Amino acid sequence: MSSSRLPGKVLKPLAGKPVIWHIYNRASRCKLVDKVIVATSDEPSDTPLADFCNANGMNVYRGSLDNVLSRYTEILSNEEYLYYVRITGDCPLIHPQFIDNQIMALLKFNGDLTWCENLGTAFGGQGVHSARSLFYIADRSNNPLDLEHVGSVFMSDHPEMLRIVEITPPPTHFVSDKLRLTVDEENDFLMFSKLYDHLWPQNKWIELDDAIEFLKKREDIASINQTVEHKLLNIELQEKFKKWQAIKKAGLWEYKQIIPDILSLT
């Protein structure tokens, strides 16, 4: 709720439902995710968010405001899952199929995280990681930025210490930087509001492909937030991740369009 660029954005409504509701609902549609938890802070400013989650049957955990990494380690210490999905609270169109593919890829190759050569903007804020890598980073990093960004700086600087699995989503899912699918500032929210107003009433669910095609056709709406810039750190991290092409991978995962109901990987 204390976002510096758009305070309270997670409770701002899209088609009558808060942003966090849409994210939680989409995460819950992943076939291979056992549990979804809103990991927020224990500061009074986040009480309205926690209250909304509790009132709507959404799992919520409250921890340190500044040490976001500790929220993850505390949850994983209690839940004991081998893998977790870090979903940021500013991506209302996360793609369950992409998340499930990452989970299958890591299970197949005993990996720690996945890497795409051409990730684009459609798949931001929905990375799957091994719990062991998170605890490994928590024990070794003394960089304050890792506390805020859940070990992302350590990962970008030390890929050789991680088992990286390459994954290549279908070309149809690639979205260039010209389309922003993240809510950082007011214009981002305005773009999403118009997108949801057009697509949500159809079937109470927005397919990622439909959203991409709509924005490609409606430049008047897609251009609303094109001048919004990413934070400098995010830009720097993306540049580092691009250089991972030369890093030896633990495996190459072939993207699955259909996710099995029962996972059987060896």
Foldseek 3Di string as FASTA:
>chain_A
DVFPADPPQQQDDAVRGGLVVLVQVQQVPQLPDDADEAEAAPDPSCPVVVVVCVVVVHHYHHHHHQQSLVSVLVVCVVVVDFKDWFADSWFSQAHSLVLNLFVLQCVQLVWAWEAELQPAQNHPRTTMGTSVVLVVQVVPDPDSVCRRVSNLVVCLVCVVVTAYEYEYDDPLLHYHLLAHRTDRHPLNVVLSNVLSVPPCVPDNDDHSSNSVVVCVVPVVSRNSCRVDDDDPVVVVSVVSSSVCPPPDHSYYGYRDPDDDSDDDHD
